[in-house]
Amino acid sequence: MRRAAVFLDRDGTINVEAGYIRDLQDLSLMPGAGQAVKRLNDAGIPVILATNQSGPARGYYPESWIHTLHDSLSALLHQCGAHLDAVYYCPHLPDGTVPEYSLACQCRKPEPGMLNEAAQRHGLNLAESYMVGDKSTDVEVGQRVGSKTILLRSGYGERVLSGEYQWKVTPDFVAPTLVEAVDWILADLALKSLD
């Protein structure tokens, strides 16, 4: 039986939005994010990171730096007793400056490649899952695979809601931060279990 999962964007969702992070000192968790992820862990819900990271395609840093960042992010979560069950990222950008990463792919959100791969590899039911992030691309990728979607007001979220950034989307829920998003997810799952 395939399980529900929670897919999380990275910047502005789990960690503070700080642009293209080139120094580990600029990587810090959003307030309450570690505890929010731990609540999902404790409930037995897989937590999957799905993030666009075009720094390599833009020539800002090598792809290995993304792994360094994710190792540091995992360490920060571990300090809160939390963990990610899997990490997926897309280093591509169609109009990048580094040829090997400059391509139109199926993994850059809102394309569904990362979520589909995670579902296949981990036995996940995307129709019962949740996609949480601060951008229109996060909401759209969730909608494309049939998941419920939550747009956070943190990170770029307020600018998305005002129409200033990306494009208009209609998520299932809008939450101030990941903390309230997890409240909503756990309440929604509890309701489903009563059906």
Protein backbone atom coordinates (compact mmCIF):
# COMPACT_ATOMS: atom_id res chain seq x y z
CA MET A 1 0.00 0.00 0.00
CA ARG A 2 1.42 3.34 -1.05
CA ARG A 3 1.89 5.96 1.67
CA ALA A 4 1.18 9.67 1.89
CA ALA A 5 4.24 11.93 2.15
CA VAL A 6 4.98 15.59 2.72
CA PHE A 7 7.15 17.24 0.08
CA LEU A 8 8.95 20.37 1.23
CA ASP A 9 10.66 23.11 -0.69
CA ARG A 10 13.93 24.27 0.91
CA ASP A 11 14.66 28.00 0.86
CA GLY A 12 11.96 30.08 2.55
CA THR A 13 10.28 26.88 3.74
CA ILE A 14 12.73 24.94 5.94
CA ASN A 15 15.60 27.42 5.99
CA VAL A 16 15.59 31.21 5.87
CA GLU A 17 15.56 32.59 2.32
CA ALA A 18 19.08 33.95 1.79
CA GLY A 19 19.49 33.94 -1.98
CA TYR A 20 22.18 31.68 -3.40
CA ILE A 21 23.90 30.46 -0.24
CA ARG A 22 27.69 30.43 -0.68
CA ASP A 23 28.61 30.43 3.00
CA LEU A 24 27.32 27.90 5.54
CA GLN A 25 26.93 30.74 8.05
CA ASP A 26 24.03 31.97 5.89
CA LEU A 27 22.13 28.69 6.33
CA SER A 28 19.70 28.79 9.25
CA LEU A 29 16.39 27.12 9.97
CA MET A 30 13.15 29.05 9.84
CA PRO A 31 11.77 29.50 13.39
CA GLY A 32 9.95 26.33 14.39
CA ALA A 33 10.86 24.46 11.18
CA GLY A 34 12.91 21.77 12.92
CA GLN A 35 10.12 21.04 15.38
CA ALA A 36 7.56 21.01 12.54
CA VAL A 37 9.57 18.41 10.60
CA LYS A 38 9.95 16.38 13.81
CA ARG A 39 6.18 16.31 14.26
CA LEU A 40 5.85 14.75 10.80
CA ASN A 41 8.67 12.30 11.62
CA ASP A 42 6.96 11.34 14.88
CA ALA A 43 3.69 10.76 13.00
CA GLY A 44 5.48 8.33 10.67
CA ILE A 45 4.97 10.52 7.59
CA PRO A 46 7.84 10.54 5.07
CA VAL A 47 9.32 14.03 4.65
CA ILE A 48 10.89 14.57 1.22
CA LEU A 49 12.88 17.63 0.19
CA ALA A 50 12.19 18.71 -3.42
CA THR A 51 14.06 21.87 -4.35
CA ASN A 52 15.16 23.77 -7.44
CA GLN A 53 18.84 24.68 -7.02
CA SER A 54 20.08 26.39 -10.18
CA GLY A 55 23.33 27.70 -8.65
CA PRO A 56 25.47 25.23 -10.68
CA ALA A 57 23.67 26.16 -13.92
CA ARG A 58 24.30 29.85 -13.19
CA GLY A 59 27.99 29.20 -12.48
CA TYR A 60 27.69 30.32 -8.85
CA TYR A 61 29.15 27.14 -7.35
CA PRO A 62 29.77 23.47 -8.22
CA GLU A 63 27.04 20.86 -7.80
CA SER A 64 29.02 19.39 -4.88
CA TRP A 65 28.20 22.55 -2.89
CA ILE A 66 24.50 21.61 -2.95
CA HIS A 67 25.41 18.35 -1.19
CA THR A 68 27.43 20.30 1.38
CA LEU A 69 24.43 22.57 2.02
CA HIS A 70 22.07 19.63 2.38
CA ASP A 71 24.44 17.86 4.77
CA SER A 72 24.48 21.05 6.88
CA LEU A 73 20.70 21.37 6.68
CA SER A 74 20.34 17.76 7.84
CA ALA A 75 22.68 18.50 10.76
CA LEU A 76 20.57 21.52 11.77
CA LEU A 77 17.42 19.40 11.66
CA HIS A 78 19.15 16.62 13.61
CA GLN A 79 19.78 19.11 16.43
CA CYS A 80 15.97 19.39 16.67
CA GLY A 81 15.53 15.61 16.62
CA ALA A 82 14.22 15.82 13.04
CA HIS A 83 15.25 14.32 9.72
CA LEU A 84 14.48 14.28 6.01
CA ASP A 85 13.63 10.87 4.58
CA ALA A 86 14.98 11.78 1.13
CA VAL A 87 16.44 14.74 -0.72
CA TYR A 88 15.80 15.61 -4.36
CA TYR A 89 17.09 18.69 -6.13
CA CYS A 90 17.24 20.05 -9.65
CA PRO A 91 20.48 21.84 -10.67
CA HIS A 92 19.23 22.74 -14.16
CA LEU A 93 18.17 26.00 -15.79
CA PRO A 94 17.23 26.30 -19.47
CA ASP A 95 19.05 29.61 -19.86
CA GLY A 96 21.97 28.87 -17.55
CA THR A 97 25.58 29.77 -18.27
CA VAL A 98 27.16 26.34 -17.59
CA PRO A 99 26.41 24.12 -20.62
CA GLU A 100 26.08 20.77 -18.79
CA TYR A 101 23.31 22.19 -16.57
CA SER A 102 21.67 24.48 -19.13
CA LEU A 103 18.74 22.42 -20.31
CA ALA A 104 15.00 22.07 -20.12
CA CYS A 105 14.44 19.06 -17.86
CA GLN A 106 11.60 17.18 -16.23
CA CYS A 107 12.87 17.78 -12.69
CA ARG A 108 12.79 21.58 -12.39
CA LYS A 109 9.57 22.53 -10.61
CA PRO A 110 6.82 22.96 -11.73
CA GLU A 111 7.78 19.92 -13.82
CA PRO A 112 6.89 16.82 -11.77
CA GLY A 113 10.08 14.77 -12.18
CA MET A 114 11.35 14.98 -8.60
CA LEU A 115 7.98 14.08 -7.07
CA ASN A 116 7.36 11.25 -9.53
CA GLU A 117 10.82 9.79 -8.89
CA ALA A 118 10.33 9.98 -5.12
CA ALA A 119 6.91 8.34 -5.38
CA GLN A 120 8.30 5.46 -7.42
CA ARG A 121 11.39 4.96 -5.27
CA HIS A 122 9.67 5.23 -1.89
CA GLY A 123 6.23 3.77 -2.63
CA LEU A 124 4.34 7.03 -2.16
CA ASN A 125 0.76 7.90 -3.07
CA LEU A 126 0.96 11.36 -4.61
CA ALA A 127 -2.83 11.79 -4.55
CA GLU A 128 -2.72 11.46 -0.74
CA SER A 129 0.43 13.59 -0.33
CA TYR A 130 1.16 17.27 0.31
CA MET A 131 3.48 19.79 -1.35
CA VAL A 132 4.57 22.74 0.79
CA GLY A 133 6.54 25.75 -0.41
CA ASP A 134 6.74 29.51 -0.84
CA LYS A 135 6.53 29.80 -4.63
CA SER A 136 3.98 29.33 -7.39
CA THR A 137 6.18 26.56 -8.79
CA ASP A 138 5.70 24.59 -5.55
CA VAL A 139 1.93 24.87 -5.71
CA GLU A 140 1.80 24.06 -9.42
CA VAL A 141 4.00 20.96 -9.18
CA GLY A 142 1.80 19.65 -6.36
CA GLN A 143 -1.31 20.26 -8.42
CA ARG A 144 0.21 18.55 -11.46
CA VAL A 145 0.68 15.30 -9.52
CA GLY A 146 -2.65 15.52 -7.69
CA SER A 147 -1.28 16.35 -4.22
CA LYS A 148 -2.75 18.87 -1.82
CA THR A 149 -0.80 22.12 -1.83
CA ILE A 150 0.16 24.64 0.81
CA LEU A 151 1.65 28.05 0.01
CA LEU A 152 3.67 29.59 2.82
CA ARG A 153 3.71 33.33 3.41
CA SER A 154 7.38 33.05 4.38
CA GLY A 155 10.18 33.36 1.83
CA TYR A 156 8.66 34.57 -1.46
CA GLY A 157 5.12 33.65 -0.41
CA GLU A 158 3.82 37.14 0.36
CA ARG A 159 5.09 38.34 -3.03
CA VAL A 160 3.35 35.41 -4.74
CA LEU A 161 0.08 36.21 -2.97
CA SER A 162 0.30 39.89 -3.92
CA GLY A 163 0.91 39.02 -7.57
CA GLU A 164 4.38 40.59 -7.49
CA TYR A 165 6.32 37.34 -8.03
CA GLN A 166 5.80 34.42 -10.45
CA TRP A 167 2.09 33.86 -11.19
CA LYS A 168 -1.30 33.49 -9.52
CA VAL A 169 -1.99 30.12 -7.94
CA THR A 170 -4.77 28.71 -5.79
CA PRO A 171 -3.34 26.39 -3.14
CA ASP A 172 -5.49 24.25 -0.88
CA PHE A 173 -4.22 26.22 2.12
CA VAL A 174 -2.13 29.30 2.86
CA ALA A 175 -0.02 29.18 6.03
CA PRO A 176 2.23 31.77 7.67
CA THR A 177 5.06 29.26 8.15
CA LEU A 178 5.85 25.56 8.04
CA VAL A 179 4.64 25.28 11.65
CA GLU A 180 1.04 26.12 10.71
CA ALA A 181 1.30 24.08 7.51
CA VAL A 182 2.14 20.98 9.55
CA ASP A 183 -0.77 21.73 11.91
CA TRP A 184 -3.09 21.75 8.88
CA ILE A 185 -1.58 18.58 7.36
CA LEU A 186 -1.88 16.59 10.59
CA ALA A 187 -5.47 17.77 11.09
CA ASP A 188 -6.32 16.85 7.48
CA LEU A 189 -4.78 13.38 7.87
CA ALA A 190 -6.70 12.88 11.12
CA LEU A 191 -9.94 13.70 9.28
CA LYS A 192 -9.08 11.24 6.51
CA SER A 193 -8.50 8.50 9.06
CA LEU A 194 -12.08 8.97 10.26
CA ASP A 195 -13.53 8.41 6.78
